[in-house]
Amino acid sequence: MICEVKILDKSKNYGKGRIKDGFKQIVDYTTEYEKSAGYLVVYNFDENLVEFTFNNDSSIYTSIIHNGKTYYLIMIYLNNINPSDLGKIKTIKISKEDIIN
């Protein structure tokens, strides 16, 4: 199983680019090890939401089919977001182009 873990944490300057870097790594690993799928798990320590804007999916779990392989992206929130504050919290939107290009 190919699985890469990345962290979003603005205090360490780990931002949106970390997701792109992690995606590139799972693509490289699935090619190198001849696997048909890979997983990118992102631990979000920031007080913001991440929305993947592809597959009509705004959940914490989505997938991308790229070069005939399936890549699963899983967002794990490790911050203290109060559900009543959801309308006030910044959302980081990530498109397929953000990850692949």
C-alpha atoms as a PDB file:
ATOM      1  CA  MET A   1       0.000   0.000   0.000  1.00  0.00           C
ATOM      2  CA  ILE A   2       1.292   3.434  -0.947  1.00  0.00           C
ATOM      3  CA  CYS A   3       0.511   6.060   1.693  1.00  0.00           C
ATOM      4  CA  GLU A   4       2.031   9.500   2.178  1.00  0.00           C
ATOM      5  CA  VAL A   5       1.329  11.729   5.174  1.00  0.00           C
ATOM      6  CA  LYS A   6       1.541  15.528   5.095  1.00  0.00           C
ATOM      7  CA  ILE A   7       0.797  18.266   7.621  1.00  0.00           C
ATOM      8  CA  LEU A   8      -0.976  21.597   7.137  1.00  0.00           C
ATOM      9  CA  ASP A   9       0.291  24.025   9.757  1.00  0.00           C
ATOM     10  CA  LYS A  10       0.692  27.720   8.983  1.00  0.00           C
ATOM     11  CA  SER A  11       2.960  28.192  12.017  1.00  0.00           C
ATOM     12  CA  LYS A  12       5.508  25.997  10.192  1.00  0.00           C
ATOM     13  CA  ASN A  13       4.719  27.446   6.753  1.00  0.00           C
ATOM     14  CA  TYR A  14       3.154  24.132   5.703  1.00  0.00           C
ATOM     15  CA  GLY A  15       0.363  25.262   3.413  1.00  0.00           C
ATOM     16  CA  LYS A  16      -1.514  24.206   0.321  1.00  0.00           C
ATOM     17  CA  GLY A  17       1.748  23.320  -1.439  1.00  0.00           C
ATOM     18  CA  ARG A  18       2.213  20.406   0.968  1.00  0.00           C
ATOM     19  CA  ILE A  19      -0.823  18.697  -0.557  1.00  0.00           C
ATOM     20  CA  LYS A  20       0.623  19.141  -4.049  1.00  0.00           C
ATOM     21  CA  ASP A  21       3.996  17.795  -2.882  1.00  0.00           C
ATOM     22  CA  GLY A  22       2.341  14.793  -1.244  1.00  0.00           C
ATOM     23  CA  PHE A  23       0.313  14.045  -4.358  1.00  0.00           C
ATOM     24  CA  LYS A  24       3.463  14.124  -6.504  1.00  0.00           C
ATOM     25  CA  GLN A  25       5.098  11.679  -4.093  1.00  0.00           C
ATOM     26  CA  ILE A  26       2.250   9.160  -4.217  1.00  0.00           C
ATOM     27  CA  VAL A  27       2.208   9.372  -8.017  1.00  0.00           C
ATOM     28  CA  ASP A  28       5.955   8.688  -8.080  1.00  0.00           C
ATOM     29  CA  TYR A  29       5.672   5.824  -5.568  1.00  0.00           C
ATOM     30  CA  THR A  30       2.759   4.103  -7.334  1.00  0.00           C
ATOM     31  CA  THR A  31       4.753   4.241 -10.563  1.00  0.00           C
ATOM     32  CA  GLU A  32       7.957   2.985  -8.954  1.00  0.00           C
ATOM     33  CA  TYR A  33       6.250   0.131  -7.091  1.00  0.00           C
ATOM     34  CA  GLU A  34       3.736  -0.641  -9.866  1.00  0.00           C
ATOM     35  CA  LYS A  35       0.647  -0.052  -7.698  1.00  0.00           C
ATOM     36  CA  SER A  36      -2.780   0.944  -8.996  1.00  0.00           C
ATOM     37  CA  ALA A  37      -3.714   3.160  -6.029  1.00  0.00           C
ATOM     38  CA  GLY A  38      -2.169   5.505  -3.499  1.00  0.00           C
ATOM     39  CA  TYR A  39      -3.293   7.385  -0.403  1.00  0.00           C
ATOM     40  CA  LEU A  40      -2.484  10.896   0.739  1.00  0.00           C
ATOM     41  CA  VAL A  41      -3.398  11.587   4.351  1.00  0.00           C
ATOM     42  CA  VAL A  42      -3.248  15.228   5.418  1.00  0.00           C
ATOM     43  CA  TYR A  43      -3.300  16.236   9.083  1.00  0.00           C
ATOM     44  CA  ASN A  44      -4.705  19.761   9.347  1.00  0.00           C
ATOM     45  CA  PHE A  45      -3.553  21.627  12.469  1.00  0.00           C
ATOM     46  CA  ASP A  46      -4.907  24.976  11.222  1.00  0.00           C
ATOM     47  CA  GLU A  47      -8.256  26.525  12.031  1.00  0.00           C
ATOM     48  CA  ASN A  48      -9.488  26.397   8.468  1.00  0.00           C
ATOM     49  CA  LEU A  49     -11.363  23.974   6.277  1.00  0.00           C
ATOM     50  CA  VAL A  50     -10.021  22.369   3.136  1.00  0.00           C
ATOM     51  CA  GLU A  51     -12.439  21.851   0.288  1.00  0.00           C
ATOM     52  CA  PHE A  52     -11.494  19.697  -2.675  1.00  0.00           C
ATOM     53  CA  THR A  53     -13.371  21.263  -5.586  1.00  0.00           C
ATOM     54  CA  PHE A  54     -13.501  18.233  -7.841  1.00  0.00           C
ATOM     55  CA  ASN A  55     -15.740  15.170  -8.010  1.00  0.00           C
ATOM     56  CA  ASN A  56     -18.554  17.387  -6.655  1.00  0.00           C
ATOM     57  CA  ASP A  57     -17.153  16.482  -3.280  1.00  0.00           C
ATOM     58  CA  SER A  58     -16.624  18.738  -0.297  1.00  0.00           C
ATOM     59  CA  SER A  59     -16.078  15.991   2.243  1.00  0.00           C
ATOM     60  CA  ILE A  60     -12.877  15.115   4.063  1.00  0.00           C
ATOM     61  CA  TYR A  61     -12.342  12.198   1.690  1.00  0.00           C
ATOM     62  CA  THR A  62     -12.166  12.209  -2.094  1.00  0.00           C
ATOM     63  CA  SER A  63     -10.285  10.577  -4.938  1.00  0.00           C
ATOM     64  CA  ILE A  64      -8.609  11.435  -8.218  1.00  0.00           C
ATOM     65  CA  ILE A  65      -8.073   9.167 -11.182  1.00  0.00           C
ATOM     66  CA  HIS A  66      -4.812  10.186 -12.830  1.00  0.00           C
ATOM     67  CA  ASN A  67      -2.831   8.250 -15.433  1.00  0.00           C
ATOM     68  CA  GLY A  68      -5.113   5.241 -14.950  1.00  0.00           C
ATOM     69  CA  LYS A  69      -4.507   5.030 -11.186  1.00  0.00           C
ATOM     70  CA  THR A  70      -6.733   6.006  -8.280  1.00  0.00           C
ATOM     71  CA  TYR A  71      -5.449   8.346  -5.610  1.00  0.00           C
ATOM     72  CA  TYR A  72      -7.358   8.826  -2.370  1.00  0.00           C
ATOM     73  CA  LEU A  73      -7.038  12.084  -0.449  1.00  0.00           C
ATOM     74  CA  ILE A  74      -8.013  12.045   3.217  1.00  0.00           C
ATOM     75  CA  MET A  75      -8.162  15.176   5.396  1.00  0.00           C
ATOM     76  CA  ILE A  76      -7.901  14.733   9.163  1.00  0.00           C
ATOM     77  CA  TYR A  77      -8.693  17.788  11.277  1.00  0.00           C
ATOM     78  CA  LEU A  78      -6.679  18.099  14.476  1.00  0.00           C
ATOM     79  CA  ASN A  79      -7.839  21.578  15.403  1.00  0.00           C
ATOM     80  CA  ASN A  80     -10.567  22.757  17.719  1.00  0.00           C
ATOM     81  CA  ILE A  81     -13.144  24.031  15.264  1.00  0.00           C
ATOM     82  CA  ASN A  82     -16.415  24.776  16.963  1.00  0.00           C
ATOM     83  CA  PRO A  83     -19.306  23.673  14.711  1.00  0.00           C
ATOM     84  CA  SER A  84     -21.119  26.966  15.417  1.00  0.00           C
ATOM     85  CA  ASP A  85     -18.139  28.839  13.888  1.00  0.00           C
ATOM     86  CA  LEU A  86     -18.167  26.971  10.571  1.00  0.00           C
ATOM     87  CA  GLY A  87     -19.603  29.952   8.663  1.00  0.00           C
ATOM     88  CA  LYS A  88     -16.781  32.209   9.903  1.00  0.00           C
ATOM     89  CA  ILE A  89     -13.860  29.880   9.218  1.00  0.00           C
ATOM     90  CA  LYS A  90     -11.671  30.359   6.155  1.00  0.00           C
ATOM     91  CA  THR A  91     -11.986  27.652   3.523  1.00  0.00           C
ATOM     92  CA  ILE A  92      -9.001  26.692   1.383  1.00  0.00           C
ATOM     93  CA  LYS A  93     -10.236  25.459  -1.982  1.00  0.00           C
ATOM     94  CA  ILE A  94      -8.087  22.947  -3.803  1.00  0.00           C
ATOM     95  CA  SER A  95      -8.787  22.067  -7.421  1.00  0.00           C
ATOM     96  CA  LYS A  96      -7.551  19.078  -9.368  1.00  0.00           C
ATOM     97  CA  GLU A  97      -5.279  21.461 -11.289  1.00  0.00           C
ATOM     98  CA  ASP A  98      -3.756  22.685  -7.996  1.00  0.00           C
ATOM     99  CA  ILE A  99      -2.695  19.143  -7.194  1.00  0.00           C
ATOM    100  CA  ILE A 100      -1.696  17.756 -10.577  1.00  0.00           C
ATOM    101  CA  ASN A 101       0.066  20.737 -12.195  1.00  0.00           C
END
